[in-house]
Every structure is written in C-alpha cells, then in structure tokens.
C-alpha cells in the first residue's frame, strides 16, 4: 500500500497578462488553513510568480516558510499544465505548454523527510 498522503495535483491554466504582481500557489500534504490565510499551517507547495517568472518550491512548518528550490520559467498567455506531486519521500513539479507533450523530466525535485 502506498503512502496515504501521496498526491498528484494536475492543473490547466492560462493568464491574461504576464509581468504584473500576480502569482499562483498550490499545495500538497497540507493540513489546516487558518481563517484569512492563503497558506496552510503545514504542508508543501509551489509558487509561480508571473512578474519574476520564477517557480519556487517551499515547505510550510508551523506557519514558517522554508524555500527548497526554484527555477526560471517562461510563462506566456498560452494554456499551460502544472503538475505537483508528493510521492513517498519526493516532492516534484513540472510545467509545460498545453499544446505540447508533458515533459518527461521534472523541473524541480526535492527529497522530503517527515
């Protein structure tokens, strides 16, 4: 039997404009979201910053943020796919244009331990 907190988030999205102060966040293995907060108390996530064109992977622990890895990306106003996966002891993310085949390699990978 696999880890009960393994998860795979697949999201299709597009933006109207790139370069503004906008971002997209997604979380896996997240627990409690306290009222008025956009991040969980504990969990793993990514932040896609449309202004800086950075994809950042991070960990939330008791509401503290720990940055794990980041990568430069090229977001356009085209449709894109984003996949965020927590699988056993690994957190991984990939991002690709919707009219292209899914990337075989992950953009960011981080070994996690609970």
N, C-alpha and C. Protein backbone atom coordinates (compact mmCIF):
# COMPACT_ATOMS: atom_id res chain seq x y z
N UNK A 1 0.83 -1.16 0.00
CA UNK A 1 0.00 0.00 0.00
C UNK A 1 0.88 1.24 0.00
N UNK A 2 0.51 2.25 -0.79
CA UNK A 2 1.28 3.48 -0.89
C UNK A 2 1.07 4.38 0.32
N UNK A 3 1.85 5.40 0.38
CA UNK A 3 1.74 6.39 1.44
C UNK A 3 0.38 7.08 1.34
N UNK A 4 -0.39 7.14 2.41
CA UNK A 4 -1.72 7.74 2.35
C UNK A 4 -1.71 9.25 2.07
N UNK A 5 -0.56 9.89 2.19
CA UNK A 5 -0.51 11.32 1.90
C UNK A 5 0.15 11.61 0.55
N UNK A 6 0.39 10.56 -0.25
CA UNK A 6 0.86 10.79 -1.61
C UNK A 6 -0.23 11.51 -2.38
N UNK A 7 0.16 12.43 -3.22
CA UNK A 7 -0.83 13.14 -4.01
C UNK A 7 -0.23 13.64 -5.31
N UNK A 8 -1.11 13.90 -6.27
CA UNK A 8 -0.71 14.38 -7.58
C UNK A 8 -1.72 15.44 -7.99
N UNK A 9 -1.27 16.67 -8.10
CA UNK A 9 -2.13 17.77 -8.50
C UNK A 9 -1.80 18.11 -9.95
N UNK A 10 -2.81 18.10 -10.80
CA UNK A 10 -2.64 18.47 -12.20
C UNK A 10 -3.61 19.60 -12.49
N UNK A 11 -3.07 20.73 -12.94
CA UNK A 11 -3.89 21.92 -13.14
C UNK A 11 -3.59 22.52 -14.51
N UNK A 12 -4.65 22.82 -15.26
CA UNK A 12 -4.52 23.52 -16.54
C UNK A 12 -4.90 24.97 -16.29
N UNK A 13 -4.08 25.90 -16.78
CA UNK A 13 -4.35 27.32 -16.52
C UNK A 13 -3.78 28.17 -17.65
N UNK A 14 -4.26 29.40 -17.70
CA UNK A 14 -3.65 30.43 -18.54
C UNK A 14 -3.86 31.77 -17.85
N UNK A 15 -3.04 32.72 -18.22
CA UNK A 15 -3.15 34.06 -17.65
C UNK A 15 -3.38 35.05 -18.78
N UNK A 16 -4.06 36.14 -18.45
CA UNK A 16 -4.34 37.18 -19.45
C UNK A 16 -3.14 38.06 -19.73
N UNK A 17 -2.26 38.20 -18.72
CA UNK A 17 -1.12 39.09 -18.85
C UNK A 17 0.02 38.57 -17.98
N UNK A 18 1.22 38.69 -18.50
CA UNK A 18 2.42 38.28 -17.75
C UNK A 18 3.18 39.55 -17.36
N UNK A 19 3.75 39.56 -16.19
CA UNK A 19 4.58 40.68 -15.77
C UNK A 19 3.99 41.49 -14.63
N UNK A 20 2.72 41.31 -14.35
CA UNK A 20 2.12 42.02 -13.23
C UNK A 20 2.45 41.32 -11.92
N UNK A 21 2.14 41.97 -10.82
CA UNK A 21 2.35 41.42 -9.48
C UNK A 21 1.26 40.38 -9.21
N UNK A 22 1.41 39.20 -9.83
CA UNK A 22 0.46 38.10 -9.66
C UNK A 22 1.23 36.82 -9.43
N UNK A 23 0.59 35.88 -8.75
CA UNK A 23 1.20 34.58 -8.54
C UNK A 23 0.12 33.52 -8.36
N UNK A 24 0.54 32.29 -8.54
CA UNK A 24 -0.32 31.13 -8.34
C UNK A 24 0.37 30.26 -7.30
N UNK A 25 -0.39 29.82 -6.29
CA UNK A 25 0.13 28.89 -5.29
C UNK A 25 -0.68 27.61 -5.33
N UNK A 26 -0.01 26.49 -5.08
CA UNK A 26 -0.67 25.19 -4.97
C UNK A 26 0.02 24.41 -3.87
N UNK A 27 -0.76 23.57 -3.17
CA UNK A 27 -0.23 22.83 -2.02
C UNK A 27 -0.58 21.35 -2.09
N UNK A 28 0.31 20.53 -1.52
CA UNK A 28 0.05 19.11 -1.29
C UNK A 28 0.45 18.80 0.15
N UNK A 29 -0.07 17.73 0.68
CA UNK A 29 0.18 17.34 2.08
C UNK A 29 -0.08 18.51 3.03
N UNK A 30 -1.07 19.29 2.72
CA UNK A 30 -1.40 20.46 3.54
C UNK A 30 -2.41 20.07 4.60
N UNK A 31 -2.27 20.69 5.76
CA UNK A 31 -3.23 20.41 6.82
C UNK A 31 -4.17 21.59 6.99
N UNK A 32 -4.12 22.24 8.09
CA UNK A 32 -5.09 23.26 8.47
C UNK A 32 -4.82 24.61 7.79
N UNK A 33 -5.84 25.15 7.13
CA UNK A 33 -5.79 26.51 6.61
C UNK A 33 -6.56 27.37 7.62
N UNK A 34 -5.85 28.22 8.33
CA UNK A 34 -6.50 29.06 9.32
C UNK A 34 -7.25 30.19 8.62
N UNK A 35 -8.31 30.64 9.22
CA UNK A 35 -9.17 31.65 8.63
C UNK A 35 -8.36 32.89 8.22
N UNK A 36 -8.58 33.33 6.98
CA UNK A 36 -7.91 34.52 6.47
C UNK A 36 -6.53 34.29 5.90
N UNK A 37 -6.04 33.04 5.90
CA UNK A 37 -4.71 32.74 5.39
C UNK A 37 -4.79 31.98 4.07
N UNK A 38 -3.86 32.28 3.16
CA UNK A 38 -3.83 31.58 1.88
C UNK A 38 -2.82 30.44 1.87
N UNK A 39 -2.20 30.17 3.01
CA UNK A 39 -1.25 29.07 3.14
C UNK A 39 -1.63 28.22 4.35
N UNK A 40 -1.32 26.92 4.29
CA UNK A 40 -1.65 26.06 5.42
C UNK A 40 -0.66 26.24 6.57
N UNK A 41 -1.00 25.70 7.70
CA UNK A 41 -0.10 25.69 8.84
C UNK A 41 1.13 24.84 8.51
N UNK A 42 0.89 23.66 7.90
CA UNK A 42 1.96 22.75 7.49
C UNK A 42 1.65 22.19 6.12
N UNK A 43 2.67 21.93 5.32
CA UNK A 43 2.48 21.34 4.01
C UNK A 43 3.60 21.73 3.06
N UNK A 44 3.47 21.27 1.83
CA UNK A 44 4.44 21.57 0.78
C UNK A 44 3.71 22.28 -0.35
N UNK A 45 4.42 23.18 -1.01
CA UNK A 45 3.76 23.90 -2.08
C UNK A 45 4.71 24.47 -3.10
N UNK A 46 4.10 25.10 -4.11
CA UNK A 46 4.85 25.83 -5.12
C UNK A 46 4.23 27.20 -5.27
N UNK A 47 5.04 28.12 -5.72
CA UNK A 47 4.57 29.47 -6.04
C UNK A 47 5.10 29.80 -7.43
N UNK A 48 4.19 30.14 -8.31
CA UNK A 48 4.52 30.55 -9.66
C UNK A 48 4.35 32.06 -9.72
N UNK A 49 5.46 32.79 -9.80
CA UNK A 49 5.44 34.25 -9.78
C UNK A 49 5.44 34.75 -11.22
N UNK A 50 4.36 35.42 -11.63
CA UNK A 50 4.21 35.88 -13.01
C UNK A 50 5.03 37.13 -13.31
N UNK A 51 5.46 37.83 -12.29
CA UNK A 51 6.28 39.03 -12.50
C UNK A 51 7.74 38.66 -12.71
N UNK A 52 8.26 37.81 -11.82
CA UNK A 52 9.68 37.44 -11.89
C UNK A 52 9.94 36.21 -12.75
N UNK A 53 8.86 35.52 -13.18
CA UNK A 53 9.00 34.30 -13.97
C UNK A 53 9.82 33.26 -13.20
N UNK A 54 9.48 33.08 -11.91
CA UNK A 54 10.15 32.11 -11.05
C UNK A 54 9.14 31.09 -10.55
N UNK A 55 9.54 29.84 -10.53
CA UNK A 55 8.79 28.76 -9.93
C UNK A 55 9.55 28.35 -8.68
N UNK A 56 8.91 28.47 -7.52
CA UNK A 56 9.58 28.20 -6.25
C UNK A 56 8.85 27.10 -5.49
N UNK A 57 9.61 26.16 -4.98
CA UNK A 57 9.09 25.06 -4.17
C UNK A 57 9.41 25.39 -2.71
N UNK A 58 8.43 25.17 -1.81
CA UNK A 58 8.66 25.52 -0.42
C UNK A 58 7.93 24.56 0.52
N UNK A 59 8.29 24.66 1.79
CA UNK A 59 7.68 23.87 2.85
C UNK A 59 7.13 24.82 3.89
N UNK A 60 5.92 24.55 4.37
CA UNK A 60 5.34 25.30 5.49
C UNK A 60 5.43 24.41 6.72
N UNK A 61 5.99 24.94 7.79
CA UNK A 61 6.09 24.19 9.04
C UNK A 61 5.74 25.14 10.18
N UNK A 62 4.60 24.86 10.82
CA UNK A 62 4.09 25.74 11.88
C UNK A 62 4.00 27.19 11.40
N UNK A 63 3.53 27.36 10.19
CA UNK A 63 3.30 28.65 9.53
C UNK A 63 4.58 29.36 9.10
N UNK A 64 5.74 28.73 9.31
CA UNK A 64 7.01 29.27 8.83
C UNK A 64 7.29 28.72 7.44
N UNK A 65 7.83 29.56 6.56
CA UNK A 65 8.11 29.16 5.19
C UNK A 65 9.60 28.85 5.03
N UNK A 66 9.89 27.68 4.43
CA UNK A 66 11.26 27.27 4.14
C UNK A 66 11.35 27.01 2.64
N UNK A 67 12.18 27.79 1.94
CA UNK A 67 12.32 27.66 0.49
C UNK A 67 13.25 26.49 0.18
N UNK A 68 12.80 25.62 -0.73
CA UNK A 68 13.52 24.39 -1.03
C UNK A 68 14.29 24.46 -2.35
N UNK A 69 13.69 25.06 -3.37
CA UNK A 69 14.32 25.13 -4.68
C UNK A 69 13.54 26.11 -5.55
N UNK A 70 14.21 26.62 -6.59
CA UNK A 70 13.48 27.44 -7.54
C UNK A 70 14.08 27.31 -8.93
N UNK A 71 13.32 27.73 -9.92
CA UNK A 71 13.76 27.64 -11.31
C UNK A 71 13.16 28.80 -12.10
N UNK A 72 13.93 29.27 -13.08
CA UNK A 72 13.40 30.25 -14.02
C UNK A 72 12.46 29.55 -14.98
N UNK A 73 11.36 30.19 -15.32
CA UNK A 73 10.38 29.61 -16.23
C UNK A 73 10.02 30.64 -17.29
N UNK A 74 9.29 30.18 -18.29
CA UNK A 74 8.84 31.07 -19.36
C UNK A 74 7.33 30.92 -19.50
N UNK A 75 6.60 31.76 -18.80
CA UNK A 75 5.14 31.74 -18.87
C UNK A 75 4.69 32.72 -19.94
N UNK A 76 3.74 32.29 -20.74
CA UNK A 76 3.12 33.13 -21.75
C UNK A 76 1.62 33.18 -21.47
N UNK A 77 0.89 33.81 -22.33
CA UNK A 77 -0.57 33.85 -22.18
C UNK A 77 -1.23 32.61 -22.78
N UNK A 78 -0.44 31.65 -23.25
CA UNK A 78 -0.98 30.37 -23.74
C UNK A 78 -1.45 29.52 -22.56
N UNK A 79 -2.22 28.48 -22.87
CA UNK A 79 -2.61 27.50 -21.85
C UNK A 79 -1.39 26.70 -21.44
N UNK A 80 -1.30 26.39 -20.14
CA UNK A 80 -0.21 25.59 -19.58
C UNK A 80 -0.78 24.50 -18.68
N UNK A 81 0.03 23.49 -18.45
CA UNK A 81 -0.24 22.46 -17.44
C UNK A 81 0.79 22.61 -16.34
N UNK A 82 0.36 22.38 -15.11
CA UNK A 82 1.23 22.36 -13.95
C UNK A 82 0.95 21.06 -13.21
N UNK A 83 1.99 20.29 -12.92
CA UNK A 83 1.84 19.06 -12.13
C UNK A 83 2.72 19.16 -10.90
N UNK A 84 2.10 18.97 -9.74
CA UNK A 84 2.80 18.97 -8.45
C UNK A 84 2.54 17.62 -7.80
N UNK A 85 3.60 16.92 -7.47
CA UNK A 85 3.45 15.56 -6.93
C UNK A 85 4.25 15.38 -5.65
N UNK A 86 3.60 14.80 -4.66
CA UNK A 86 4.26 14.32 -3.45
C UNK A 86 4.14 12.81 -3.49
N UNK A 87 5.26 12.13 -3.62
CA UNK A 87 5.26 10.68 -3.79
C UNK A 87 6.31 10.09 -2.85
N UNK A 88 5.83 9.41 -1.82
CA UNK A 88 6.69 8.83 -0.79
C UNK A 88 7.58 9.90 -0.19
N UNK A 89 8.86 9.95 -0.55
CA UNK A 89 9.77 10.91 0.06
C UNK A 89 10.29 11.94 -0.94
N UNK A 90 9.48 12.22 -1.98
CA UNK A 90 9.91 13.15 -3.01
C UNK A 90 8.80 14.13 -3.38
N UNK A 91 9.18 15.38 -3.52
CA UNK A 91 8.28 16.43 -3.99
C UNK A 91 8.82 16.87 -5.34
N UNK A 92 7.94 16.97 -6.34
CA UNK A 92 8.39 17.30 -7.68
C UNK A 92 7.34 18.14 -8.40
N UNK A 93 7.82 18.98 -9.33
CA UNK A 93 6.91 19.85 -10.09
C UNK A 93 7.42 19.94 -11.53
N UNK A 94 6.45 20.03 -12.45
CA UNK A 94 6.77 20.30 -13.85
C UNK A 94 5.72 21.22 -14.42
N UNK A 95 6.08 21.93 -15.47
CA UNK A 95 5.23 22.93 -16.09
C UNK A 95 5.51 22.89 -17.59
N UNK A 96 4.44 22.83 -18.40
CA UNK A 96 4.62 22.79 -19.84
C UNK A 96 3.41 23.41 -20.54
N UNK A 97 3.61 23.82 -21.80
CA UNK A 97 2.51 24.39 -22.59
C UNK A 97 1.52 23.29 -22.92
N UNK A 98 0.24 23.64 -22.90
CA UNK A 98 -0.82 22.65 -23.09
C UNK A 98 -0.81 22.02 -24.47
N UNK A 99 -0.29 22.71 -25.47
CA UNK A 99 -0.27 22.15 -26.82
C UNK A 99 0.98 21.31 -27.09
N UNK A 100 1.79 21.08 -26.05
CA UNK A 100 2.98 20.25 -26.15
C UNK A 100 2.82 19.00 -25.31
N UNK A 101 3.66 18.00 -25.55
CA UNK A 101 3.63 16.79 -24.74
C UNK A 101 4.15 17.09 -23.34
N UNK A 102 3.64 16.36 -22.37
CA UNK A 102 4.12 16.52 -21.00
C UNK A 102 5.61 16.22 -20.94
N UNK A 103 6.32 17.05 -20.20
CA UNK A 103 7.75 16.84 -20.03
C UNK A 103 8.01 15.51 -19.34
N UNK A 104 9.07 14.84 -19.72
CA UNK A 104 9.44 13.61 -19.03
C UNK A 104 10.15 13.91 -17.73
N UNK A 105 10.97 14.94 -17.74
CA UNK A 105 11.75 15.30 -16.55
C UNK A 105 11.01 16.35 -15.73
N UNK A 106 11.20 16.30 -14.44
CA UNK A 106 10.65 17.29 -13.53
C UNK A 106 11.52 18.53 -13.56
N UNK A 107 10.91 19.71 -13.42
CA UNK A 107 11.67 20.96 -13.38
C UNK A 107 12.38 21.09 -12.03
N UNK A 108 11.66 20.79 -10.95
CA UNK A 108 12.22 20.84 -9.61
C UNK A 108 11.90 19.54 -8.89
N UNK A 109 12.88 19.03 -8.16
CA UNK A 109 12.71 17.82 -7.35
C UNK A 109 13.37 18.06 -6.01
N UNK A 110 12.68 17.66 -4.94
CA UNK A 110 13.26 17.80 -3.61
C UNK A 110 12.93 16.56 -2.79
N UNK A 111 13.96 16.01 -2.15
CA UNK A 111 13.76 14.86 -1.26
C UNK A 111 13.19 15.38 0.05
N UNK A 112 12.10 14.76 0.52
CA UNK A 112 11.48 15.20 1.76
C UNK A 112 11.54 14.08 2.80
N UNK A 113 11.57 14.50 4.04
CA UNK A 113 11.52 13.54 5.14
C UNK A 113 10.54 14.07 6.17
N UNK A 114 9.74 13.21 6.69
CA UNK A 114 8.71 13.62 7.67
C UNK A 114 9.20 13.32 9.07
